[in-house]
Amino acid sequence: MAFSLSACGDNSGNGPADSATSSTERTVDPVKGTELPIEATPEKVGQGGQEVCPYLDGDWLQNTNGQRLTGTGTDERFDPPACVFWSYEDYPQVTVMVRHMRTNSDAIAVVDHAAPIDSTLKALEPKGWSGGRRGGDGKTGAVYAVWKDETAVVVTTAQEQSVKAQKIAEETIKNLKL
C-alpha cells in the first residue's frame, strides 16, 4: 500500500509528521498490543455482556451514537483495552481502539490501514492529531482514525455519519489524556 506522510502531516515544521520523516525516529518501549500486527482490530466480544469500558461511559456513548446500548465488551489484548459496544444488530454499533505503538511510523500505519488516505477525507481533530475519516456507504459504517506521536485512535461505528465516530474519538482522547 502506498503511503505519503505529507497527506497526514500538519506541515508546520514542528508537528508529528516532522518526527516521522526524520532519520532518527524515536522508538518507545513496547506496551501490550505492540506485538500485534498493524491491521489488528478488536475482537467482537461482549454481545449482551456488561463489561465497563474504562474510558467511555455507556450512556454517553449511546446518546452520542444514537443507538440503544445492549452490551459492552473489552478486548484485553490492547492497553488500554479496546471497547466494543453493541446494539440489537449482530455487529457492533461502535468499536474503539487505542494503540500505543513503538514508533510514529507504526501509529501512522495503523491509521492508514483503518482509514486509507486514498479513500478517506483528512481528519485533523482534536488539535495536533491527524488521520482520515469516512462516512458509511450503506454497506459499511463510518470510521474516524487519527494519530499523534506513537499513538493511534481508531473508532468505527455502524452509523453513516463520521461526525459521530469523531466525537467518540475526541472523548476517548480527552478521557485518556492523550
N, C-alpha and C. Protein backbone atom coordinates (compact mmCIF):
# COMPACT_ATOMS: atom_id res chain seq x y z
N MET A 1 0.85 -1.17 0.00
CA MET A 1 0.00 0.00 0.00
C MET A 1 0.89 1.23 0.00
N ALA A 2 0.63 2.14 -0.93
CA ALA A 2 1.40 3.37 -0.98
C ALA A 2 0.96 4.29 0.14
N PHE A 3 1.91 5.07 0.65
CA PHE A 3 1.59 5.96 1.76
C PHE A 3 2.43 7.20 1.67
N SER A 4 1.81 8.34 1.79
CA SER A 4 2.51 9.61 1.76
C SER A 4 2.36 10.30 3.09
N LEU A 5 3.46 10.56 3.76
CA LEU A 5 3.40 11.22 5.06
C LEU A 5 2.86 12.64 4.95
N SER A 6 3.09 13.29 3.84
CA SER A 6 2.63 14.67 3.73
C SER A 6 1.11 14.76 3.76
N ALA A 7 0.41 13.68 3.43
CA ALA A 7 -1.04 13.69 3.46
C ALA A 7 -1.57 13.78 4.88
N CYS A 8 -0.79 13.34 5.85
CA CYS A 8 -1.27 13.35 7.23
C CYS A 8 -0.59 14.40 8.08
N GLY A 9 0.47 15.00 7.62
CA GLY A 9 1.23 15.92 8.45
C GLY A 9 0.57 17.28 8.58
N ASP A 10 1.04 18.02 9.55
CA ASP A 10 0.47 19.35 9.74
C ASP A 10 1.28 20.43 9.03
N ASN A 11 2.41 20.06 8.42
CA ASN A 11 3.25 20.94 7.62
C ASN A 11 3.71 22.20 8.35
N SER A 12 3.67 22.19 9.66
CA SER A 12 4.11 23.36 10.40
C SER A 12 5.60 23.32 10.71
N GLY A 13 6.23 22.17 10.46
CA GLY A 13 7.64 22.06 10.76
C GLY A 13 7.91 21.60 12.17
N ASN A 14 6.90 21.52 13.01
CA ASN A 14 7.13 21.06 14.38
C ASN A 14 6.03 20.11 14.84
N GLY A 15 5.32 19.51 13.90
CA GLY A 15 4.26 18.57 14.25
C GLY A 15 4.73 17.14 14.15
N PRO A 16 3.82 16.20 14.35
CA PRO A 16 4.15 14.78 14.33
C PRO A 16 4.74 14.31 13.01
N ALA A 17 4.31 14.87 11.86
CA ALA A 17 4.84 14.42 10.58
C ALA A 17 6.33 14.69 10.49
N ASP A 18 6.78 15.79 11.10
CA ASP A 18 8.20 16.12 11.09
C ASP A 18 9.01 15.02 11.74
N SER A 19 8.54 14.51 12.89
CA SER A 19 9.29 13.46 13.57
C SER A 19 9.26 12.16 12.80
N ALA A 20 8.19 11.92 12.02
CA ALA A 20 8.08 10.69 11.27
C ALA A 20 9.06 10.67 10.10
N THR A 21 9.45 11.82 9.59
CA THR A 21 10.31 11.85 8.43
C THR A 21 11.78 12.00 8.81
N SER A 22 12.08 12.20 10.06
CA SER A 22 13.48 12.36 10.44
C SER A 22 14.18 11.02 10.42
N SER A 23 15.49 11.04 10.24
CA SER A 23 16.24 9.79 10.18
C SER A 23 16.47 9.21 11.57
N THR A 24 16.14 9.94 12.60
CA THR A 24 16.32 9.45 13.97
C THR A 24 14.96 9.33 14.66
N GLU A 25 14.07 8.60 14.02
CA GLU A 25 12.73 8.43 14.58
C GLU A 25 12.81 7.83 15.98
N ARG A 26 12.04 8.38 16.88
CA ARG A 26 12.01 7.94 18.26
C ARG A 26 11.30 6.58 18.35
N THR A 27 11.85 5.70 19.15
CA THR A 27 11.22 4.41 19.42
C THR A 27 10.97 4.33 20.92
N VAL A 28 9.74 3.98 21.29
CA VAL A 28 9.39 3.87 22.70
C VAL A 28 9.37 2.40 23.09
N ASP A 29 9.42 2.15 24.39
CA ASP A 29 9.37 0.78 24.88
C ASP A 29 8.05 0.14 24.50
N PRO A 30 8.07 -1.16 24.22
CA PRO A 30 6.82 -1.82 23.83
C PRO A 30 5.82 -1.87 24.98
N VAL A 31 4.56 -1.77 24.63
CA VAL A 31 3.47 -1.94 25.59
C VAL A 31 2.57 -3.04 25.05
N LYS A 32 1.64 -3.49 25.88
CA LYS A 32 0.71 -4.52 25.49
C LYS A 32 0.01 -4.12 24.19
N GLY A 33 0.03 -4.99 23.21
CA GLY A 33 -0.60 -4.71 21.93
C GLY A 33 0.38 -4.39 20.82
N THR A 34 1.60 -3.96 21.16
CA THR A 34 2.55 -3.62 20.09
C THR A 34 3.02 -4.86 19.36
N GLU A 35 2.85 -6.04 19.97
CA GLU A 35 3.26 -7.27 19.29
C GLU A 35 2.24 -7.71 18.25
N LEU A 36 1.05 -7.12 18.28
CA LEU A 36 0.01 -7.45 17.30
C LEU A 36 0.31 -6.79 15.97
N PRO A 37 -0.16 -7.38 14.88
CA PRO A 37 0.07 -6.76 13.57
C PRO A 37 -0.62 -5.40 13.45
N ILE A 38 -0.12 -4.58 12.55
CA ILE A 38 -0.69 -3.25 12.30
C ILE A 38 -2.19 -3.35 12.03
N GLU A 39 -2.61 -4.36 11.30
CA GLU A 39 -4.01 -4.47 10.90
C GLU A 39 -4.92 -5.11 11.96
N ALA A 40 -4.40 -5.39 13.14
CA ALA A 40 -5.22 -5.98 14.21
C ALA A 40 -6.37 -5.05 14.58
N THR A 41 -7.53 -5.64 14.76
CA THR A 41 -8.72 -4.89 15.17
C THR A 41 -9.31 -5.57 16.40
N PRO A 42 -10.16 -4.89 17.12
CA PRO A 42 -10.76 -5.50 18.31
C PRO A 42 -11.60 -6.73 17.95
N GLU A 43 -11.51 -7.74 18.83
CA GLU A 43 -12.38 -8.91 18.69
C GLU A 43 -13.81 -8.47 18.95
N LYS A 44 -14.75 -9.15 18.35
CA LYS A 44 -16.17 -8.82 18.55
C LYS A 44 -16.67 -9.49 19.83
N VAL A 45 -16.24 -8.95 20.96
CA VAL A 45 -16.55 -9.51 22.28
C VAL A 45 -17.66 -8.71 22.94
N GLY A 46 -18.38 -9.37 23.86
CA GLY A 46 -19.28 -8.66 24.74
C GLY A 46 -20.72 -8.50 24.29
N GLN A 47 -21.13 -9.17 23.21
CA GLN A 47 -22.53 -9.02 22.80
C GLN A 47 -23.43 -9.51 23.92
N GLY A 48 -24.23 -8.63 24.47
CA GLY A 48 -25.07 -8.95 25.61
C GLY A 48 -24.33 -8.88 26.94
N GLY A 49 -23.03 -8.59 26.89
CA GLY A 49 -22.22 -8.50 28.11
C GLY A 49 -22.34 -7.15 28.77
N GLN A 50 -21.85 -7.08 29.99
CA GLN A 50 -21.95 -5.84 30.75
C GLN A 50 -20.60 -5.35 31.25
N GLU A 51 -19.53 -5.66 30.52
CA GLU A 51 -18.23 -5.12 30.90
C GLU A 51 -18.27 -3.60 30.80
N VAL A 52 -17.44 -2.95 31.55
CA VAL A 52 -17.39 -1.49 31.53
C VAL A 52 -16.16 -1.05 30.75
N CYS A 53 -16.37 -0.17 29.79
CA CYS A 53 -15.24 0.43 29.08
C CYS A 53 -14.56 1.39 30.04
N PRO A 54 -13.24 1.27 30.25
CA PRO A 54 -12.58 2.09 31.26
C PRO A 54 -12.47 3.58 30.92
N TYR A 55 -12.78 3.96 29.68
CA TYR A 55 -12.59 5.36 29.31
C TYR A 55 -13.80 5.99 28.61
N LEU A 56 -14.87 5.22 28.38
CA LEU A 56 -16.08 5.78 27.79
C LEU A 56 -17.31 5.32 28.55
N ASP A 57 -18.16 6.25 28.93
CA ASP A 57 -19.39 5.95 29.64
C ASP A 57 -20.43 5.43 28.63
N GLY A 58 -21.10 4.33 28.98
CA GLY A 58 -22.08 3.72 28.10
C GLY A 58 -23.25 4.63 27.77
N ASP A 59 -23.77 5.36 28.76
CA ASP A 59 -24.89 6.28 28.50
C ASP A 59 -24.45 7.39 27.55
N TRP A 60 -23.25 7.94 27.78
CA TRP A 60 -22.74 8.98 26.88
C TRP A 60 -22.62 8.42 25.47
N LEU A 61 -22.09 7.20 25.34
CA LEU A 61 -21.89 6.61 24.02
C LEU A 61 -23.21 6.41 23.29
N GLN A 62 -24.20 5.83 23.95
CA GLN A 62 -25.46 5.58 23.24
C GLN A 62 -26.15 6.89 22.85
N ASN A 63 -26.03 7.92 23.64
CA ASN A 63 -26.60 9.22 23.27
C ASN A 63 -25.85 9.84 22.10
N THR A 64 -24.54 9.69 22.08
CA THR A 64 -23.72 10.26 21.01
C THR A 64 -23.91 9.51 19.70
N ASN A 65 -23.95 8.18 19.77
CA ASN A 65 -24.06 7.37 18.55
C ASN A 65 -25.50 7.22 18.08
N GLY A 66 -26.46 7.44 18.96
CA GLY A 66 -27.86 7.38 18.55
C GLY A 66 -28.45 5.99 18.51
N GLN A 67 -27.82 5.02 19.18
CA GLN A 67 -28.35 3.66 19.24
C GLN A 67 -28.38 3.21 20.69
N ARG A 68 -29.41 2.45 21.02
CA ARG A 68 -29.51 1.89 22.38
C ARG A 68 -28.37 0.91 22.61
N LEU A 69 -27.78 0.99 23.78
CA LEU A 69 -26.67 0.11 24.16
C LEU A 69 -27.24 -1.17 24.78
N THR A 70 -26.91 -2.32 24.20
CA THR A 70 -27.39 -3.60 24.73
C THR A 70 -26.29 -4.47 25.30
N GLY A 71 -25.04 -4.09 25.08
CA GLY A 71 -23.94 -4.87 25.62
C GLY A 71 -22.61 -4.19 25.37
N THR A 72 -21.64 -4.51 26.21
CA THR A 72 -20.30 -3.94 26.08
C THR A 72 -19.27 -5.03 26.37
N GLY A 73 -18.20 -5.04 25.61
CA GLY A 73 -17.10 -5.96 25.86
C GLY A 73 -15.79 -5.23 25.71
N THR A 74 -14.73 -5.80 26.26
CA THR A 74 -13.40 -5.22 26.11
C THR A 74 -12.45 -6.28 25.58
N ASP A 75 -11.57 -5.87 24.70
CA ASP A 75 -10.54 -6.73 24.15
C ASP A 75 -9.25 -6.39 24.88
N GLU A 76 -8.86 -7.26 25.79
CA GLU A 76 -7.72 -7.01 26.68
C GLU A 76 -6.36 -7.19 26.00
N ARG A 77 -6.34 -7.51 24.71
CA ARG A 77 -5.05 -7.61 24.01
C ARG A 77 -4.40 -6.25 23.87
N PHE A 78 -5.19 -5.19 24.01
CA PHE A 78 -4.70 -3.83 23.85
C PHE A 78 -4.59 -3.14 25.21
N ASP A 79 -3.72 -2.12 25.29
CA ASP A 79 -3.56 -1.33 26.50
C ASP A 79 -3.66 0.15 26.13
N PRO A 80 -4.74 0.82 26.48
CA PRO A 80 -5.90 0.36 27.23
C PRO A 80 -6.73 -0.62 26.40
N PRO A 81 -7.61 -1.37 27.06
CA PRO A 81 -8.41 -2.35 26.32
C PRO A 81 -9.25 -1.67 25.24
N ALA A 82 -9.41 -2.35 24.11
CA ALA A 82 -10.33 -1.88 23.08
C ALA A 82 -11.75 -2.12 23.59
N CYS A 83 -12.65 -1.21 23.28
CA CYS A 83 -14.04 -1.34 23.75
C CYS A 83 -14.95 -1.61 22.56
N VAL A 84 -15.87 -2.56 22.76
CA VAL A 84 -16.82 -2.95 21.73
C VAL A 84 -18.22 -2.75 22.31
N PHE A 85 -19.01 -1.92 21.64
CA PHE A 85 -20.35 -1.58 22.10
C PHE A 85 -21.37 -2.17 21.13
N TRP A 86 -22.41 -2.77 21.68
CA TRP A 86 -23.42 -3.47 20.89
C TRP A 86 -24.78 -2.79 21.00
N SER A 87 -25.58 -2.96 19.95
CA SER A 87 -26.99 -2.62 19.99
C SER A 87 -27.74 -3.90 19.63
N TYR A 88 -28.79 -3.83 18.84
CA TYR A 88 -29.59 -5.02 18.55
C TYR A 88 -29.07 -5.84 17.38
N GLU A 89 -28.18 -5.29 16.58
CA GLU A 89 -27.66 -5.98 15.41
C GLU A 89 -26.66 -7.07 15.79
N ASP A 90 -26.27 -7.87 14.81
CA ASP A 90 -25.27 -8.92 15.00
C ASP A 90 -23.86 -8.41 14.78
N TYR A 91 -23.69 -7.12 14.69
CA TYR A 91 -22.38 -6.50 14.55
C TYR A 91 -22.32 -5.32 15.51
N PRO A 92 -21.12 -4.96 15.95
CA PRO A 92 -21.00 -3.88 16.94
C PRO A 92 -21.52 -2.54 16.41
N GLN A 93 -22.13 -1.76 17.30
CA GLN A 93 -22.53 -0.41 16.91
C GLN A 93 -21.31 0.51 16.92
N VAL A 94 -20.34 0.24 17.81
CA VAL A 94 -19.12 1.05 17.89
C VAL A 94 -17.97 0.17 18.37
N THR A 95 -16.80 0.36 17.77
CA THR A 95 -15.56 -0.20 18.33
C THR A 95 -14.59 0.96 18.51
N VAL A 96 -13.85 0.92 19.61
CA VAL A 96 -12.86 1.96 19.91
C VAL A 96 -11.56 1.27 20.25
N MET A 97 -10.51 1.63 19.52
CA MET A 97 -9.21 1.01 19.73
C MET A 97 -8.16 2.11 19.86
N VAL A 98 -7.39 2.03 20.94
CA VAL A 98 -6.25 2.93 21.16
C VAL A 98 -5.01 2.05 21.08
N ARG A 99 -4.07 2.44 20.21
CA ARG A 99 -2.83 1.66 20.09
C ARG A 99 -1.64 2.56 20.37
N HIS A 100 -0.88 2.19 21.38
CA HIS A 100 0.38 2.85 21.68
C HIS A 100 1.46 2.04 20.99
N MET A 101 1.98 2.58 19.90
CA MET A 101 2.93 1.85 19.07
C MET A 101 4.37 2.22 19.46
N ARG A 102 5.30 1.45 18.94
CA ARG A 102 6.71 1.71 19.28
C ARG A 102 7.28 2.91 18.54
N THR A 103 6.75 3.19 17.34
CA THR A 103 7.25 4.32 16.55
C THR A 103 6.08 5.11 15.98
N ASN A 104 6.36 6.33 15.60
CA ASN A 104 5.38 7.18 14.94
C ASN A 104 4.94 6.55 13.62
N SER A 105 5.87 5.96 12.88
CA SER A 105 5.54 5.32 11.61
C SER A 105 4.54 4.18 11.81
N ASP A 106 4.68 3.43 12.90
CA ASP A 106 3.73 2.35 13.17
C ASP A 106 2.35 2.91 13.50
N ALA A 107 2.28 4.00 14.25
CA ALA A 107 0.99 4.63 14.55
C ALA A 107 0.32 5.13 13.28
N ILE A 108 1.09 5.72 12.39
CA ILE A 108 0.56 6.18 11.11
C ILE A 108 0.04 5.00 10.30
N ALA A 109 0.78 3.89 10.31
CA ALA A 109 0.37 2.69 9.56
C ALA A 109 -0.95 2.13 10.09
N VAL A 110 -1.15 2.16 11.42
CA VAL A 110 -2.42 1.70 12.00
C VAL A 110 -3.56 2.55 11.46
N VAL A 111 -3.38 3.87 11.46
CA VAL A 111 -4.41 4.78 10.97
C VAL A 111 -4.63 4.58 9.48
N ASP A 112 -3.55 4.46 8.71
CA ASP A 112 -3.69 4.29 7.27
C ASP A 112 -4.39 2.98 6.92
N HIS A 113 -4.20 1.96 7.74
CA HIS A 113 -4.91 0.70 7.48
C HIS A 113 -6.41 0.87 7.73
N ALA A 114 -6.77 1.56 8.80
CA ALA A 114 -8.18 1.76 9.16
C ALA A 114 -8.87 2.77 8.26
N ALA A 115 -8.14 3.79 7.85
CA ALA A 115 -8.70 4.88 7.03
C ALA A 115 -7.68 5.24 5.95
N PRO A 116 -7.58 4.40 4.90
CA PRO A 116 -6.58 4.64 3.85
C PRO A 116 -6.71 6.03 3.23
N ILE A 117 -5.59 6.68 3.04
CA ILE A 117 -5.61 8.06 2.56
C ILE A 117 -6.20 8.20 1.16
N ASP A 118 -6.19 7.13 0.37
CA ASP A 118 -6.74 7.24 -0.97
C ASP A 118 -8.26 7.07 -1.01
N SER A 119 -8.88 6.75 0.13
CA SER A 119 -10.34 6.56 0.13
C SER A 119 -11.04 7.27 1.30
N THR A 120 -10.33 8.20 1.96
CA THR A 120 -10.93 8.93 3.07
C THR A 120 -10.61 10.41 2.96
N LEU A 121 -11.32 11.18 3.75
CA LEU A 121 -11.04 12.61 3.86
C LEU A 121 -10.09 12.83 5.03
N LYS A 122 -9.42 13.96 5.02
CA LYS A 122 -8.48 14.28 6.09
C LYS A 122 -9.21 14.55 7.41
N ALA A 123 -8.64 14.05 8.49
CA ALA A 123 -9.17 14.28 9.84
C ALA A 123 -8.10 15.02 10.64
N LEU A 124 -8.46 16.14 11.24
CA LEU A 124 -7.47 16.97 11.95
C LEU A 124 -7.91 17.37 13.35
N GLU A 125 -8.84 16.65 13.93
CA GLU A 125 -9.32 16.96 15.27
C GLU A 125 -9.13 15.75 16.16
N PRO A 126 -8.84 15.94 17.42
CA PRO A 126 -8.57 17.23 18.06
C PRO A 126 -7.24 17.81 17.59
N LYS A 127 -7.00 19.04 17.99
CA LYS A 127 -5.80 19.75 17.54
C LYS A 127 -4.55 18.93 17.85
N GLY A 128 -3.66 18.84 16.85
CA GLY A 128 -2.42 18.11 17.00
C GLY A 128 -2.49 16.67 16.50
N TRP A 129 -3.70 16.19 16.20
CA TRP A 129 -3.90 14.84 15.69
C TRP A 129 -4.16 14.91 14.19
N SER A 130 -3.85 13.83 13.48
CA SER A 130 -4.04 13.79 12.04
C SER A 130 -4.43 12.38 11.61
N GLY A 131 -5.20 12.29 10.55
CA GLY A 131 -5.58 10.97 10.06
C GLY A 131 -6.64 11.07 8.99
N GLY A 132 -7.60 10.12 9.03
CA GLY A 132 -8.62 10.07 8.00
C GLY A 132 -9.99 9.77 8.57
N ARG A 133 -11.00 10.09 7.76
CA ARG A 133 -12.39 9.86 8.14
C ARG A 133 -13.17 9.46 6.89
N ARG A 134 -14.19 8.62 7.12
CA ARG A 134 -15.05 8.21 6.02
C ARG A 134 -16.44 7.94 6.58
N GLY A 135 -17.44 8.44 5.91
CA GLY A 135 -18.81 8.14 6.29
C GLY A 135 -19.21 6.76 5.77
N GLY A 136 -20.31 6.25 6.30
CA GLY A 136 -20.81 4.96 5.85
C GLY A 136 -21.33 5.03 4.43
N ASP A 137 -21.36 3.89 3.77
CA ASP A 137 -21.80 3.84 2.38
C ASP A 137 -23.03 2.95 2.19
N GLY A 138 -23.73 2.64 3.25
CA GLY A 138 -24.89 1.76 3.17
C GLY A 138 -24.55 0.30 3.41
N LYS A 139 -23.28 -0.07 3.20
CA LYS A 139 -22.83 -1.44 3.46
C LYS A 139 -21.90 -1.50 4.66
N THR A 140 -21.14 -0.44 4.85
CA THR A 140 -20.24 -0.35 6.00
C THR A 140 -20.52 0.96 6.72
N GLY A 141 -20.15 1.01 7.98
CA GLY A 141 -20.35 2.21 8.78
C GLY A 141 -19.22 3.19 8.60
N ALA A 142 -19.20 4.18 9.46
CA ALA A 142 -18.22 5.26 9.40
C ALA A 142 -16.96 4.90 10.19
N VAL A 143 -15.87 5.58 9.87
CA VAL A 143 -14.61 5.41 10.59
C VAL A 143 -13.98 6.79 10.81
N TYR A 144 -13.32 6.93 11.96
CA TYR A 144 -12.53 8.11 12.27
C TYR A 144 -11.26 7.60 12.91
N ALA A 145 -10.13 7.82 12.26
CA ALA A 145 -8.86 7.28 12.76
C ALA A 145 -7.81 8.39 12.72
N VAL A 146 -7.16 8.63 13.87
CA VAL A 146 -6.16 9.68 13.97
C VAL A 146 -4.94 9.19 14.76
N TRP A 147 -3.81 9.84 14.51
CA TRP A 147 -2.57 9.52 15.21
C TRP A 147 -1.91 10.80 15.71
N LYS A 148 -1.11 10.61 16.74
CA LYS A 148 -0.26 11.68 17.26
C LYS A 148 0.92 10.98 17.92
N ASP A 149 2.11 11.39 17.56
CA ASP A 149 3.33 10.76 18.07
C ASP A 149 3.24 9.25 17.82
N GLU A 150 3.31 8.43 18.87
CA GLU A 150 3.28 6.97 18.70
C GLU A 150 1.91 6.37 19.02
N THR A 151 0.88 7.19 19.10
CA THR A 151 -0.45 6.72 19.48
C THR A 151 -1.42 6.85 18.32
N ALA A 152 -2.23 5.80 18.13
CA ALA A 152 -3.30 5.80 17.13
C ALA A 152 -4.62 5.55 17.84
N VAL A 153 -5.66 6.24 17.43
CA VAL A 153 -7.02 6.04 17.93
C VAL A 153 -7.90 5.77 16.73
N VAL A 154 -8.59 4.63 16.76
CA VAL A 154 -9.45 4.23 15.65
C VAL A 154 -10.85 3.94 16.19
N VAL A 155 -11.83 4.63 15.62
CA VAL A 155 -13.23 4.43 16.01
C VAL A 155 -14.02 4.04 14.76
N THR A 156 -14.77 2.95 14.87
CA THR A 156 -15.70 2.58 13.81
C THR A 156 -17.10 2.59 14.42
N THR A 157 -18.07 2.96 13.61
CA THR A 157 -19.45 2.99 14.06
C THR A 157 -20.36 2.47 12.96
N ALA A 158 -21.45 1.85 13.34
CA ALA A 158 -22.43 1.34 12.38
C ALA A 158 -23.21 2.48 11.75
N GLN A 159 -23.08 3.68 12.26
CA GLN A 159 -23.79 4.84 11.74
C GLN A 159 -23.16 5.32 10.42
N GLU A 160 -23.91 6.08 9.67
CA GLU A 160 -23.44 6.61 8.39
C GLU A 160 -22.55 7.84 8.56
N GLN A 161 -22.75 8.60 9.64
CA GLN A 161 -22.08 9.88 9.81
C GLN A 161 -20.74 9.72 10.54
N SER A 162 -19.67 10.19 9.91
CA SER A 162 -18.36 10.11 10.55
C SER A 162 -18.23 11.09 11.71
N VAL A 163 -19.11 12.09 11.79
CA VAL A 163 -19.05 13.03 12.91
C VAL A 163 -19.29 12.31 14.24
N LYS A 164 -20.11 11.28 14.25
CA LYS A 164 -20.34 10.51 15.47
C LYS A 164 -19.07 9.78 15.88
N ALA A 165 -18.39 9.16 14.93
CA ALA A 165 -17.12 8.49 15.21
C ALA A 165 -16.09 9.51 15.69
N GLN A 166 -16.09 10.70 15.10
CA GLN A 166 -15.17 11.76 15.52
C GLN A 166 -15.41 12.15 16.97
N LYS A 167 -16.67 12.36 17.35
CA LYS A 167 -16.98 12.75 18.73
C LYS A 167 -16.52 11.68 19.72
N ILE A 168 -16.68 10.42 19.35
CA ILE A 168 -16.26 9.31 20.21
C ILE A 168 -14.74 9.29 20.32
N ALA A 169 -14.04 9.52 19.22
CA ALA A 169 -12.57 9.56 19.25
C ALA A 169 -12.10 10.72 20.12
N GLU A 170 -12.70 11.89 19.97
CA GLU A 170 -12.31 13.05 20.77
C GLU A 170 -12.55 12.81 22.26
N GLU A 171 -13.66 12.18 22.61
CA GLU A 171 -13.95 11.88 24.01
C GLU A 171 -12.94 10.88 24.57
N THR A 172 -12.58 9.90 23.76
CA THR A 172 -11.58 8.91 24.16
C THR A 172 -10.24 9.59 24.45
N ILE A 173 -9.81 10.44 23.53
CA ILE A 173 -8.53 11.16 23.68
C ILE A 173 -8.57 12.04 24.91
N LYS A 174 -9.68 12.73 25.13
CA LYS A 174 -9.83 13.60 26.31
C LYS A 174 -9.79 12.79 27.59
N ASN A 175 -10.57 11.72 27.66
CA ASN A 175 -10.67 10.94 28.88
C ASN A 175 -9.38 10.22 29.23
N LEU A 176 -8.61 9.81 28.22
CA LEU A 176 -7.32 9.14 28.46
C LEU A 176 -6.16 10.13 28.56
N LYS A 177 -6.46 11.42 28.39
CA LYS A 177 -5.44 12.48 28.46
C LYS A 177 -4.28 12.20 27.50
N LEU A 178 -4.65 11.86 26.28
CA LEU A 178 -3.64 11.55 25.25
C LEU A 178 -3.15 12.82 24.62
